[in-house]
PDB file of N, CA and C in Angstrom:
ATOM      1  N   UNK A   1      85.624 263.096 243.196  1.00  0.00           N
ATOM      2  CA  UNK A   1      85.707 263.668 242.068  1.00  0.00           C
ATOM      3  C   UNK A   1      85.318 265.201 242.160  1.00  0.00           C
ATOM      4  N   UNK A   2      85.996 265.623 241.032  1.00  0.00           N
ATOM      5  CA  UNK A   2      85.783 267.358 240.826  1.00  0.00           C
ATOM      6  C   UNK A   2      84.925 267.702 239.690  1.00  0.00           C
ATOM      7  N   UNK A   3      84.410 268.923 239.715  1.00  0.00           N
ATOM      8  CA  UNK A   3      83.748 269.422 238.622  1.00  0.00           C
ATOM      9  C   UNK A   3      84.442 269.159 237.319  1.00  0.00           C
ATOM     10  N   UNK A   4      85.444 269.295 237.070  1.00  0.00           N
ATOM     11  CA  UNK A   4      86.265 269.067 235.811  1.00  0.00           C
ATOM     12  C   UNK A   4      86.239 267.611 235.516  1.00  0.00           C
ATOM     13  N   UNK A   5      86.228 266.651 236.219  1.00  0.00           N
ATOM     14  CA  UNK A   5      85.899 265.321 235.855  1.00  0.00           C
ATOM     15  C   UNK A   5      84.498 265.058 235.202  1.00  0.00           C
ATOM     16  N   UNK A   6      83.690 265.866 235.325  1.00  0.00           N
ATOM     17  CA  UNK A   6      82.112 265.557 235.032  1.00  0.00           C
ATOM     18  C   UNK A   6      82.209 265.617 233.373  1.00  0.00           C
ATOM     19  N   UNK A   7      81.159 264.975 232.632  1.00  0.00           N
ATOM     20  CA  UNK A   7      80.916 265.513 231.452  1.00  0.00           C
ATOM     21  C   UNK A   7      79.976 266.637 231.202  1.00  0.00           C
ATOM     22  N   UNK A   8      79.986 267.063 230.178  1.00  0.00           N
ATOM     23  CA  UNK A   8      78.904 268.194 229.794  1.00  0.00           C
ATOM     24  C   UNK A   8      77.485 267.577 229.900  1.00  0.00           C
ATOM     25  N   UNK A   9      76.685 268.226 230.553  1.00  0.00           N
ATOM     26  CA  UNK A   9      75.115 267.726 230.868  1.00  0.00           C
ATOM     27  C   UNK A   9      74.902 267.075 232.178  1.00  0.00           C
ATOM     28  N   UNK A  10      76.099 266.725 232.977  1.00  0.00           N
ATOM     29  CA  UNK A  10      75.975 266.203 234.219  1.00  0.00           C
ATOM     30  C   UNK A  10      75.764 266.930 235.291  1.00  0.00           C
ATOM     31  N   UNK A  11      74.996 266.607 236.250  1.00  0.00           N
ATOM     32  CA  UNK A  11      74.496 267.353 237.508  1.00  0.00           C
ATOM     33  C   UNK A  11      75.027 266.649 238.675  1.00  0.00           C
ATOM     34  N   UNK A  12      75.632 267.322 239.631  1.00  0.00           N
ATOM     35  CA  UNK A  12      76.219 266.714 240.528  1.00  0.00           C
ATOM     36  C   UNK A  12      76.024 267.838 241.953  1.00  0.00           C
ATOM     37  N   UNK A  13      76.067 267.256 243.183  1.00  0.00           N
ATOM     38  CA  UNK A  13      76.084 268.044 244.254  1.00  0.00           C
ATOM     39  C   UNK A  13      77.431 268.243 244.851  1.00  0.00           C
ATOM     40  N   UNK A  14      77.750 269.573 245.455  1.00  0.00           N
ATOM     41  CA  UNK A  14      78.939 270.089 245.708  1.00  0.00           C
ATOM     42  C   UNK A  14      79.088 269.479 247.220  1.00  0.00           C
ATOM     43  N   UNK A  15      80.192 268.760 247.324  1.00  0.00           N
ATOM     44  CA  UNK A  15      80.289 268.035 248.746  1.00  0.00           C
ATOM     45  C   UNK A  15      81.423 269.249 249.419  1.00  0.00           C
ATOM     46  N   UNK A  16      82.537 269.795 248.759  1.00  0.00           N
ATOM     47  CA  UNK A  16      83.256 270.822 249.674  1.00  0.00           C
ATOM     48  C   UNK A  16      83.956 271.335 248.594  1.00  0.00           C
ATOM     49  N   UNK A  17      84.432 272.577 248.865  1.00  0.00           N
ATOM     50  CA  UNK A  17      85.214 273.572 248.059  1.00  0.00           C
ATOM     51  C   UNK A  17      86.709 273.871 248.690  1.00  0.00           C
ATOM     52  N   UNK A  18      87.672 273.756 247.906  1.00  0.00           N
ATOM     53  CA  UNK A  18      89.082 273.924 248.628  1.00  0.00           C
ATOM     54  C   UNK A  18      89.856 275.075 248.321  1.00  0.00           C
ATOM     55  N   UNK A  19      89.127 276.121 247.868  1.00  0.00           N
ATOM     56  CA  UNK A  19      89.553 277.365 247.513  1.00  0.00           C
ATOM     57  C   UNK A  19      89.447 278.491 248.689  1.00  0.00           C
ATOM     58  N   UNK A  20      90.348 279.315 248.851  1.00  0.00           N
ATOM     59  CA  UNK A  20      90.205 280.509 249.753  1.00  0.00           C
ATOM     60  C   UNK A  20      90.425 281.762 249.078  1.00  0.00           C
ATOM     61  N   UNK A  21      90.632 282.969 249.964  1.00  0.00           N
ATOM     62  CA  UNK A  21      91.070 284.161 249.409  1.00  0.00           C
ATOM     63  C   UNK A  21      90.206 284.803 248.418  1.00  0.00           C
ATOM     64  N   UNK A  22      90.311 285.755 247.694  1.00  0.00           N
ATOM     65  CA  UNK A  22      89.631 286.341 246.703  1.00  0.00           C
ATOM     66  C   UNK A  22      88.617 285.435 245.986  1.00  0.00           C
ATOM     67  N   UNK A  23      89.265 284.543 245.262  1.00  0.00           N
ATOM     68  CA  UNK A  23      88.519 283.429 244.358  1.00  0.00           C
ATOM     69  C   UNK A  23      87.403 282.780 245.125  1.00  0.00           C
ATOM     70  N   UNK A  24      87.519 282.273 246.511  1.00  0.00           N
ATOM     71  CA  UNK A  24      86.753 281.603 247.153  1.00  0.00           C
ATOM     72  C   UNK A  24      85.430 282.463 247.658  1.00  0.00           C
ATOM     73  N   UNK A  25      85.772 283.636 248.073  1.00  0.00           N
ATOM     74  CA  UNK A  25      84.897 284.731 248.412  1.00  0.00           C
ATOM     75  C   UNK A  25      83.856 284.924 247.288  1.00  0.00           C
ATOM     76  N   UNK A  26      84.461 285.010 246.179  1.00  0.00           N
ATOM     77  CA  UNK A  26      83.757 285.391 244.902  1.00  0.00           C
ATOM     78  C   UNK A  26      82.647 284.373 244.690  1.00  0.00           C
ATOM     79  N   UNK A  27      83.346 283.172 244.471  1.00  0.00           N
ATOM     80  CA  UNK A  27      82.262 281.959 244.141  1.00  0.00           C
ATOM     81  C   UNK A  27      81.239 281.683 245.178  1.00  0.00           C
ATOM     82  N   UNK A  28      81.688 281.931 246.558  1.00  0.00           N
ATOM     83  CA  UNK A  28      80.787 281.741 247.696  1.00  0.00           C
ATOM     84  C   UNK A  28      79.604 282.722 247.631  1.00  0.00           C
ATOM     85  N   UNK A  29      79.915 284.074 247.124  1.00  0.00           N
ATOM     86  CA  UNK A  29      78.908 285.047 246.827  1.00  0.00           C
ATOM     87  C   UNK A  29      77.783 284.876 245.895  1.00  0.00           C
ATOM     88  N   UNK A  30      78.457 283.920 245.111  1.00  0.00           N
ATOM     89  CA  UNK A  30      77.690 283.550 243.430  1.00  0.00           C
ATOM     90  C   UNK A  30      76.864 282.226 244.108  1.00  0.00           C
ATOM     91  N   UNK A  31      77.007 281.725 245.211  1.00  0.00           N
ATOM     92  CA  UNK A  31      76.080 280.652 245.489  1.00  0.00           C
ATOM     93  C   UNK A  31      76.926 279.201 245.208  1.00  0.00           C
ATOM     94  N   UNK A  32      78.210 279.210 244.888  1.00  0.00           N
ATOM     95  CA  UNK A  32      79.059 277.974 244.656  1.00  0.00           C
ATOM     96  C   UNK A  32      79.451 277.718 246.092  1.00  0.00           C
ATOM     97  N   UNK A  33      78.534 276.872 246.719  1.00  0.00           N
ATOM     98  CA  UNK A  33      78.983 276.356 248.267  1.00  0.00           C
ATOM     99  C   UNK A  33      78.421 274.952 248.186  1.00  0.00           C
ATOM    100  N   UNK A  34      79.081 274.344 249.423  1.00  0.00           N
ATOM    101  CA  UNK A  34      78.626 273.041 249.596  1.00  0.00           C
ATOM    102  C   UNK A  34      76.998 272.646 249.786  1.00  0.00           C
ATOM    103  N   UNK A  35      76.499 271.558 249.381  1.00  0.00           N
ATOM    104  CA  UNK A  35      75.166 271.334 249.341  1.00  0.00           C
ATOM    105  C   UNK A  35      74.336 271.854 248.055  1.00  0.00           C
ATOM    106  N   UNK A  36      75.066 272.680 247.374  1.00  0.00           N
ATOM    107  CA  UNK A  36      74.057 273.097 246.093  1.00  0.00           C
ATOM    108  C   UNK A  36      74.423 272.102 244.911  1.00  0.00           C
ATOM    109  N   UNK A  37      73.573 272.148 243.972  1.00  0.00           N
ATOM    110  CA  UNK A  37      73.684 271.279 242.770  1.00  0.00           C
ATOM    111  C   UNK A  37      73.978 272.162 241.676  1.00  0.00           C
ATOM    112  N   UNK A  38      75.300 271.566 241.016  1.00  0.00           N
ATOM    113  CA  UNK A  38      75.841 272.219 239.991  1.00  0.00           C
ATOM    114  C   UNK A  38      75.671 271.302 238.513  1.00  0.00           C
ATOM    115  N   UNK A  39      75.494 271.983 237.428  1.00  0.00           N
ATOM    116  CA  UNK A  39      75.485 271.298 236.081  1.00  0.00           C
ATOM    117  C   UNK A  39      76.591 271.755 235.459  1.00  0.00           C
ATOM    118  N   UNK A  40      77.322 270.974 234.588  1.00  0.00           N
ATOM    119  CA  UNK A  40      78.166 271.175 233.466  1.00  0.00           C
ATOM    120  C   UNK A  40      77.709 271.464 232.329  1.00  0.00           C
ATOM    121  N   UNK A  41      77.687 272.631 231.876  1.00  0.00           N
ATOM    122  CA  UNK A  41      76.998 273.177 230.866  1.00  0.00           C
ATOM    123  C   UNK A  41      77.862 272.878 229.379  1.00  0.00           C
ATOM    124  N   UNK A  42      79.215 273.206 229.612  1.00  0.00           N
ATOM    125  CA  UNK A  42      80.135 272.960 228.407  1.00  0.00           C
ATOM    126  C   UNK A  42      81.615 273.295 228.990  1.00  0.00           C
ATOM    127  N   UNK A  43      82.489 272.761 228.250  1.00  0.00           N
ATOM    128  CA  UNK A  43      83.840 272.757 228.254  1.00  0.00           C
ATOM    129  C   UNK A  43      84.341 273.911 227.150  1.00  0.00           C
ATOM    130  N   UNK A  44      85.538 274.543 227.391  1.00  0.00           N
ATOM    131  CA  UNK A  44      86.214 275.381 226.310  1.00  0.00           C
ATOM    132  C   UNK A  44      86.970 274.405 225.376  1.00  0.00           C
ATOM    133  N   UNK A  45      87.282 274.889 224.209  1.00  0.00           N
ATOM    134  CA  UNK A  45      87.864 274.299 223.091  1.00  0.00           C
ATOM    135  C   UNK A  45      88.918 273.252 223.654  1.00  0.00           C
ATOM    136  N   UNK A  46      89.887 273.552 224.255  1.00  0.00           N
ATOM    137  CA  UNK A  46      91.055 272.782 224.899  1.00  0.00           C
ATOM    138  C   UNK A  46      90.822 272.390 226.407  1.00  0.00           C
ATOM    139  N   UNK A  47      89.431 272.327 226.892  1.00  0.00           N
ATOM    140  CA  UNK A  47      89.324 272.085 228.174  1.00  0.00           C
ATOM    141  C   UNK A  47      90.214 272.936 229.362  1.00  0.00           C
ATOM    142  N   UNK A  48      90.342 274.280 229.031  1.00  0.00           N
ATOM    143  CA  UNK A  48      91.127 274.986 229.834  1.00  0.00           C
ATOM    144  C   UNK A  48      90.109 275.795 230.923  1.00  0.00           C
ATOM    145  N   UNK A  49      88.726 275.662 230.601  1.00  0.00           N
ATOM    146  CA  UNK A  49      87.781 276.249 231.430  1.00  0.00           C
ATOM    147  C   UNK A  49      86.527 275.422 231.356  1.00  0.00           C
ATOM    148  N   UNK A  50      85.398 275.628 232.171  1.00  0.00           N
ATOM    149  CA  UNK A  50      84.232 274.872 232.532  1.00  0.00           C
ATOM    150  C   UNK A  50      83.157 275.814 232.470  1.00  0.00           C
ATOM    151  N   UNK A  51      82.085 275.720 231.725  1.00  0.00           N
ATOM    152  CA  UNK A  51      80.849 276.592 232.031  1.00  0.00           C
ATOM    153  C   UNK A  51      79.897 275.863 232.885  1.00  0.00           C
ATOM    154  N   UNK A  52      79.617 276.363 234.220  1.00  0.00           N
ATOM    155  CA  UNK A  52      78.822 275.540 235.154  1.00  0.00           C
ATOM    156  C   UNK A  52      77.676 276.393 235.468  1.00  0.00           C
ATOM    157  N   UNK A  53      76.424 275.634 235.798  1.00  0.00           N
ATOM    158  CA  UNK A  53      75.205 276.369 236.111  1.00  0.00           C
ATOM    159  C   UNK A  53      74.997 275.854 237.714  1.00  0.00           C
ATOM    160  N   UNK A  54      74.687 276.841 238.414  1.00  0.00           N
ATOM    161  CA  UNK A  54      74.429 276.702 239.841  1.00  0.00           C
ATOM    162  C   UNK A  54      73.021 277.629 240.192  1.00  0.00           C
ATOM    163  N   UNK A  55      72.008 276.984 240.267  1.00  0.00           N
ATOM    164  CA  UNK A  55      70.769 277.815 240.473  1.00  0.00           C
ATOM    165  C   UNK A  55      70.469 278.763 239.225  1.00  0.00           C
ATOM    166  N   UNK A  56      70.509 280.093 239.796  1.00  0.00           N
ATOM    167  CA  UNK A  56      70.241 280.955 238.469  1.00  0.00           C
ATOM    168  C   UNK A  56      71.463 281.448 237.946  1.00  0.00           C
ATOM    169  N   UNK A  57      72.705 280.832 238.355  1.00  0.00           N
ATOM    170  CA  UNK A  57      74.046 281.552 238.099  1.00  0.00           C
ATOM    171  C   UNK A  57      74.671 280.649 236.995  1.00  0.00           C
ATOM    172  N   UNK A  58      75.268 281.256 236.021  1.00  0.00           N
ATOM    173  CA  UNK A  58      76.045 280.589 234.918  1.00  0.00           C
ATOM    174  C   UNK A  58      77.223 281.309 235.073  1.00  0.00           C
ATOM    175  N   UNK A  59      78.234 280.410 235.085  1.00  0.00           N
ATOM    176  CA  UNK A  59      79.851 280.989 235.243  1.00  0.00           C
ATOM    177  C   UNK A  59      80.705 280.166 234.700  1.00  0.00           C
ATOM    178  N   UNK A  60      81.689 280.908 234.073  1.00  0.00           N
ATOM    179  CA  UNK A  60      82.863 280.156 233.711  1.00  0.00           C
ATOM    180  C   UNK A  60      83.993 279.873 234.610  1.00  0.00           C
ATOM    181  N   UNK A  61      84.459 278.714 234.937  1.00  0.00           N
ATOM    182  CA  UNK A  61      85.483 278.625 235.872  1.00  0.00           C
ATOM    183  C   UNK A  61      86.724 278.091 235.250  1.00  0.00           C
ATOM    184  N   UNK A  62      87.821 278.541 235.456  1.00  0.00           N
ATOM    185  CA  UNK A  62      89.213 278.027 234.748  1.00  0.00           C
ATOM    186  C   UNK A  62      89.547 276.446 235.517  1.00  0.00           C
ATOM    187  N   UNK A  63      89.966 275.832 234.909  1.00  0.00           N
ATOM    188  CA  UNK A  63      90.533 274.324 235.229  1.00  0.00           C
ATOM    189  C   UNK A  63      91.040 274.158 236.578  1.00  0.00           C
ATOM    190  N   UNK A  64      91.974 275.076 237.107  1.00  0.00           N
ATOM    191  CA  UNK A  64      92.687 275.043 238.240  1.00  0.00           C
ATOM    192  C   UNK A  64      91.386 275.116 239.385  1.00  0.00           C
ATOM    193  N   UNK A  65      90.499 276.064 239.211  1.00  0.00           N
ATOM    194  CA  UNK A  65      89.556 276.203 240.357  1.00  0.00           C
ATOM    195  C   UNK A  65      88.311 274.998 240.146  1.00  0.00           C
ATOM    196  N   UNK A  66      88.254 274.567 238.906  1.00  0.00           N
ATOM    197  CA  UNK A  66      87.109 273.573 238.674  1.00  0.00           C
ATOM    198  C   UNK A  66      87.458 272.190 239.587  1.00  0.00           C
ATOM    199  N   UNK A  67      88.870 272.040 239.385  1.00  0.00           N
ATOM    200  CA  UNK A  67      89.364 270.818 239.931  1.00  0.00           C
ATOM    201  C   UNK A  67      89.358 270.867 241.599  1.00  0.00           C
ATOM    202  N   UNK A  68      89.153 272.074 241.979  1.00  0.00           N
ATOM    203  CA  UNK A  68      89.039 272.247 243.847  1.00  0.00           C
ATOM    204  C   UNK A  68      87.618 272.337 243.947  1.00  0.00           C
ATOM    205  N   UNK A  69      86.824 272.162 243.231  1.00  0.00           N
ATOM    206  CA  UNK A  69      85.069 271.949 243.665  1.00  0.00           C
ATOM    207  C   UNK A  69      84.854 270.286 243.659  1.00  0.00           C
ATOM    208  N   UNK A  70      84.905 270.049 244.894  1.00  0.00           N
ATOM    209  CA  UNK A  70      84.531 268.379 244.987  1.00  0.00           C
ATOM    210  C   UNK A  70      83.039 268.058 245.075  1.00  0.00           C
ATOM    211  N   UNK A  71      82.794 267.223 243.990  1.00  0.00           N
ATOM    212  CA  UNK A  71      81.172 266.891 244.017  1.00  0.00           C
ATOM    213  C   UNK A  71      80.933 265.317 243.950  1.00  0.00           C
ATOM    214  N   UNK A  72      79.657 265.122 244.177  1.00  0.00           N
ATOM    215  CA  UNK A  72      79.007 263.769 244.049  1.00  0.00           C
ATOM    216  C   UNK A  72      77.881 263.777 243.065  1.00  0.00           C
ATOM    217  N   UNK A  73      78.037 262.635 242.170  1.00  0.00           N
ATOM    218  CA  UNK A  73      77.028 262.721 241.031  1.00  0.00           C
ATOM    219  C   UNK A  73      75.604 262.509 241.564  1.00  0.00           C
ATOM    220  N   UNK A  74      74.450 263.034 240.878  1.00  0.00           N
ATOM    221  CA  UNK A  74      73.280 262.937 241.393  1.00  0.00           C
ATOM    222  C   UNK A  74      72.588 261.565 240.604  1.00  0.00           C
ATOM    223  N   UNK A  75      72.086 260.991 241.411  1.00  0.00           N
ATOM    224  CA  UNK A  75      70.948 259.955 240.996  1.00  0.00           C
ATOM    225  C   UNK A  75      71.681 258.955 239.925  1.00  0.00           C
TER     226      UNK A  75
END
């Protein structure tokens, strides 16, 4: 399951991330790494991007990157 498959308000734990290069380094520097909890805050109008929260970070991620963040639902 990916972050994109969650519903708004769902919280999950990041299992792994499948991106590399500049985007991977940027997200890792913001704390979007395996083992962290992530919450889906909202989707854009046509679900082309996802607003996620991870710790103190709130971040808009485009659909293609959101599908590369593999998660497992919490509780």
